[in-house]
Protein backbone atom coordinates (compact mmCIF):
# COMPACT_ATOMS: atom_id res chain seq x y z
CA MET A 1 0.08 -0.13 -0.06
CA ASN A 2 1.43 3.07 -1.18
CA LYS A 3 1.50 6.20 1.61
CA VAL A 4 2.86 8.69 -0.17
CA VAL A 5 2.04 11.89 0.09
CA LYS A 6 3.55 15.29 -1.85
CA ASP A 7 4.67 17.09 1.07
CA ALA A 8 3.88 18.25 4.96
CA GLU A 9 1.29 20.61 4.21
CA GLU A 10 -0.45 17.56 2.77
CA ALA A 11 0.30 15.23 5.28
CA ILE A 12 -1.17 17.64 7.90
CA GLN A 13 -4.09 18.92 6.09
CA ASP A 14 -6.78 17.08 8.23
CA ILE A 15 -5.08 17.90 11.80
CA LYS A 16 -7.73 20.60 13.49
CA ASP A 17 -8.22 22.94 16.46
CA ASN A 18 -7.66 21.19 19.52
CA ALA A 19 -6.23 18.29 18.29
CA THR A 20 -3.90 16.15 20.23
CA LEU A 21 -0.30 15.55 18.57
CA MET A 22 2.66 13.29 19.55
CA VAL A 23 5.98 15.10 18.26
CA GLY A 24 8.96 13.04 18.08
CA GLY A 25 12.48 14.41 19.31
CA PHE A 26 14.68 14.55 22.13
CA GLY A 27 15.94 18.44 22.28
CA LEU A 28 16.21 19.31 18.66
CA CYS A 29 17.66 15.95 17.55
CA GLY A 30 15.29 13.55 15.59
CA ILE A 31 12.30 16.26 15.66
CA PRO A 32 10.03 16.47 12.33
CA GLU A 33 11.05 19.75 11.25
CA ASN A 34 8.98 20.10 8.21
CA SER A 35 5.85 18.62 9.79
CA ILE A 36 6.27 21.54 12.39
CA THR A 37 6.58 24.15 10.16
CA ALA A 38 3.72 23.51 8.31
CA LEU A 39 1.48 23.56 11.46
CA VAL A 40 2.82 27.05 12.03
CA HIS A 41 1.99 28.03 8.62
CA SER A 42 -1.45 26.39 9.12
CA ASN A 43 -2.54 28.80 12.08
CA ILE A 44 -4.23 26.05 13.62
CA LYS A 45 -5.05 26.70 17.43
CA GLY A 46 -5.68 24.72 20.74
CA LEU A 47 -3.04 22.12 20.17
CA ILE A 48 -2.59 19.48 23.22
CA CYS A 49 0.97 18.99 22.48
CA ILE A 50 2.90 15.50 23.86
CA SER A 51 6.66 15.57 23.31
CA ASN A 52 9.91 14.88 25.82
CA ASN A 53 10.72 18.83 25.38
CA ALA A 54 9.24 22.08 24.08
CA GLY A 55 12.22 22.93 21.52
CA VAL A 56 13.81 26.22 21.66
CA ASP A 57 12.05 30.09 21.16
CA ASP A 58 12.95 30.07 17.38
CA PHE A 59 12.88 26.61 16.43
CA GLY A 60 11.01 23.10 16.82
CA LEU A 61 7.83 23.63 18.83
CA GLY A 62 9.22 27.25 20.28
CA LEU A 63 7.59 28.01 16.92
CA LEU A 64 4.43 27.04 17.66
CA PHE A 65 4.58 28.84 21.17
CA GLN A 66 5.47 31.84 19.26
CA LYS A 67 2.01 31.71 17.95
CA LYS A 68 0.29 30.82 20.96
CA GLN A 69 -0.90 27.68 18.86
CA ILE A 70 -0.36 24.94 21.55
CA LYS A 71 -2.76 25.21 24.95
CA LYS A 72 -1.76 22.47 26.97
CA MET A 73 1.99 20.35 27.02
CA ILE A 74 2.87 17.11 28.06
CA ALA A 75 6.61 16.68 28.60
CA SER A 76 9.49 16.11 30.45
CA TYR A 77 12.00 18.91 30.27
CA VAL A 78 11.09 22.54 28.91
CA GLY A 79 13.85 24.22 30.44
CA GLU A 80 15.54 25.80 26.44
CA ASN A 81 12.29 27.38 25.78
CA GLU A 82 11.72 31.09 27.22
CA VAL A 83 8.34 31.75 25.24
CA PHE A 84 7.35 28.96 26.81
CA GLU A 85 7.87 29.63 30.27
CA ARG A 86 6.54 32.99 30.00
CA LEU A 87 3.30 31.50 28.98
CA MET A 88 3.43 29.21 31.67
CA LEU A 89 4.07 31.68 34.52
CA ASP A 90 1.56 33.87 32.75
CA SER A 91 -1.39 30.92 33.42
CA GLU A 92 -1.68 31.04 29.09
CA ILE A 93 -0.71 27.49 28.86
CA GLU A 94 -1.45 24.60 30.88
CA VAL A 95 1.56 22.02 31.93
CA ASP A 96 2.06 18.62 32.79
CA LEU A 97 5.52 17.30 33.67
CA ILE A 98 6.14 13.91 33.55
CA PRO A 99 9.21 12.09 34.53
CA GLN A 100 11.12 11.11 31.28
CA GLY A 101 11.13 7.50 31.81
CA SER A 102 7.21 7.31 32.96
CA LEU A 103 6.73 9.12 29.42
CA ALA A 104 8.43 7.13 27.33
CA GLU A 105 6.65 3.83 29.07
CA ARG A 106 3.22 6.13 28.72
CA CYS A 107 3.76 6.45 25.13
CA ARG A 108 4.75 2.48 24.64
CA ALA A 109 1.84 1.40 26.45
CA GLY A 110 -0.55 3.54 24.58
CA GLY A 111 1.00 1.95 21.27
CA ALA A 112 0.79 -1.45 22.75
CA GLY A 113 -2.63 -1.06 23.80
CA ILE A 114 -1.89 -1.35 27.50
CA PRO A 115 -4.59 1.19 29.57
CA ALA A 116 -2.17 1.98 32.54
CA PHE A 117 0.59 0.33 34.60
CA TYR A 118 1.73 0.61 38.04
CA THR A 119 5.44 2.26 38.41
CA PRO A 120 7.80 3.76 41.40
CA ALA A 121 8.57 6.91 39.50
CA GLY A 122 7.18 10.03 41.17
CA PHE A 123 5.67 8.56 44.70
CA GLY A 124 5.72 10.73 47.35
CA THR A 125 6.01 13.55 44.72
CA GLU A 126 3.52 16.22 42.98
CA ILE A 127 3.89 13.77 40.00
CA GLN A 128 1.45 10.95 42.22
CA GLY A 129 -1.46 13.80 43.02
CA GLY A 130 -4.50 11.58 43.65
CA LYS A 131 -2.84 8.58 41.44
CA SER A 132 -4.21 5.10 42.67
CA THR A 133 -1.20 3.57 44.66
CA LYS A 134 0.02 0.33 45.11
CA VAL A 135 2.79 -1.97 47.09
CA PHE A 136 5.14 -4.70 44.89
CA ASN A 137 7.47 -6.10 46.81
CA GLY A 138 7.73 -3.91 49.81
CA LYS A 139 7.69 -0.78 47.46
CA PRO A 140 5.09 1.67 46.76
CA HIS A 141 4.13 2.24 43.27
CA ILE A 142 1.52 4.94 41.46
CA LEU A 143 -0.51 4.00 38.53
CA GLU A 144 0.22 6.07 35.65
CA SER A 145 -2.54 6.09 32.70
CA ALA A 146 -1.12 4.96 28.60
CA LEU A 147 -0.80 8.08 26.69
CA THR A 148 -2.57 8.25 22.65
CA ALA A 149 -3.11 10.58 20.49
CA ASP A 150 -4.95 11.76 17.46
CA PHE A 151 -1.86 12.42 15.20
CA ALA A 152 1.57 11.30 15.58
CA LEU A 153 4.36 13.52 13.69
CA VAL A 154 7.89 11.47 13.52
CA LYS A 155 11.24 11.73 11.73
CA ALA A 156 13.14 9.03 10.22
CA TRP A 157 16.25 8.81 8.18
CA LYS A 158 14.85 6.16 5.33
CA GLY A 159 11.73 5.06 4.53
CA ASP A 160 9.30 3.50 1.81
CA SER A 161 6.60 3.94 0.22
CA ASN A 162 4.75 1.40 2.65
CA GLY A 163 5.70 3.26 5.68
CA ASN A 164 8.46 1.52 6.94
CA LEU A 165 10.74 3.41 8.92
CA ILE A 166 14.84 3.27 9.93
CA TYR A 167 15.90 6.16 12.40
CA LYS A 168 19.48 6.78 12.68
CA GLY A 169 21.47 7.02 15.78
CA THR A 170 20.18 9.25 18.79
CA ALA A 171 18.07 10.71 16.35
CA ARG A 172 15.82 7.59 17.31
CA ASN A 173 14.58 8.65 20.98
CA PHE A 174 10.79 8.99 21.17
CA ASN A 175 10.12 8.46 17.59
CA PRO A 176 9.16 4.85 17.59
CA VAL A 177 7.07 4.68 20.90
CA MET A 178 4.91 7.61 19.32
CA ALA A 179 4.76 6.14 15.83
CA MET A 180 2.83 3.31 17.67
CA ALA A 181 0.20 5.60 19.47
CA GLY A 182 -0.78 7.99 17.12
CA LYS A 183 -4.31 6.81 15.43
CA ILE A 184 -2.35 8.89 12.39
CA THR A 185 1.32 8.51 12.43
CA ILE A 186 2.69 11.21 9.79
CA ALA A 187 6.43 9.82 8.90
CA GLU A 188 9.02 12.66 7.25
CA VAL A 189 12.16 11.25 6.08
CA GLU A 190 15.34 12.10 4.76
CA GLU A 191 14.99 9.46 2.09
CA LEU A 192 12.47 7.78 0.60
CA VAL A 193 12.97 4.50 -1.32
CA GLU A 194 10.78 1.68 -2.89
CA PRO A 195 9.65 -1.56 -1.18
CA GLY A 196 12.00 -3.84 -1.10
CA GLU A 197 15.18 -1.50 -0.29
CA LEU A 198 15.26 -1.50 3.36
CA ASP A 199 16.74 -4.26 5.36
CA PRO A 200 14.16 -6.10 7.27
CA ASN A 201 16.36 -6.37 9.78
CA PHE A 202 16.92 -3.02 10.45
CA ILE A 203 13.54 -1.83 10.32
CA HIS A 204 12.61 0.09 13.54
CA THR A 205 9.16 1.04 12.83
CA PRO A 206 6.76 -1.14 10.68
CA GLY A 207 4.70 0.05 8.07
CA ILE A 208 1.73 -0.92 9.89
CA PHE A 209 2.07 2.06 12.38
CA VAL A 210 2.52 4.66 9.55
CA GLN A 211 -0.74 5.82 7.63
CA ARG A 212 1.27 8.70 5.57
CA ILE A 213 4.98 9.49 4.73
CA PHE A 214 6.86 12.10 2.65
CA HIS A 215 10.32 12.92 1.93
CA GLY A 216 10.84 16.12 4.05
CA LYS A 217 13.65 18.63 2.84
CA THR A 218 15.73 21.57 3.81
CA TYR A 219 16.65 20.04 7.77
CA GLU A 220 18.53 22.30 9.78
CA LYS A 221 19.02 20.07 12.59
CA ARG A 222 20.02 22.42 14.89
CA ILE A 223 22.19 21.96 18.11
CA GLU A 224 20.55 22.54 21.14
CA GLN A 225 23.61 23.47 23.44
CA ARG A 226 27.08 23.27 21.34
CA THR A 227 30.21 22.47 23.38
CA VAL A 228 33.50 23.21 22.27
CA ARG A 229 37.06 22.67 23.84
CA ASN A 230 39.73 24.88 23.28
CA LYS A 231 42.84 23.17 21.64
């Protein structure tokens, strides 16, 4: 089944106001740059965004924050984005901060059809809130619910027209689990090939989880924090 669409604009055309999105990436590594830019140009509002972090002021999800297109952020880290910080302090955006491991597992559980699971992470902190608790092997755990989304936006290194994906190095990060948990998963790839050209032993996301795929262009691949040493 050919799942190729022309570009990011065509891929996101049915994302409407108040949709829930999962956005792959870690920092600025492996983020779906083209899809985010298309969302910015679409002027869609009221988005609920699930992502490891909130990008930076002028790149990644930061572009959506500049235009106040996101109403709620579910993430594990948001410290590199001053625009986001200002919106949060002014109560213009709702924020749900989750331990990183719990966030990853909640996405994975959503993709696997597991409604909830117990974890010790966050017990005795604000994360616990009013969540159900239980003791396993003498250690208290809290019940965390799975996460799913209307759309998942992911970025891969290579993909074929059937939607099979291969990620490169650390750009893999949250992309595979989010690809599984979106009702409609949109993948942008650096290289788009024909079926049979990818070694099945190296496919990270099977095409069954991907509904749309397109060849992304003009990737900046910014570095969030550049550190150099003196010679």
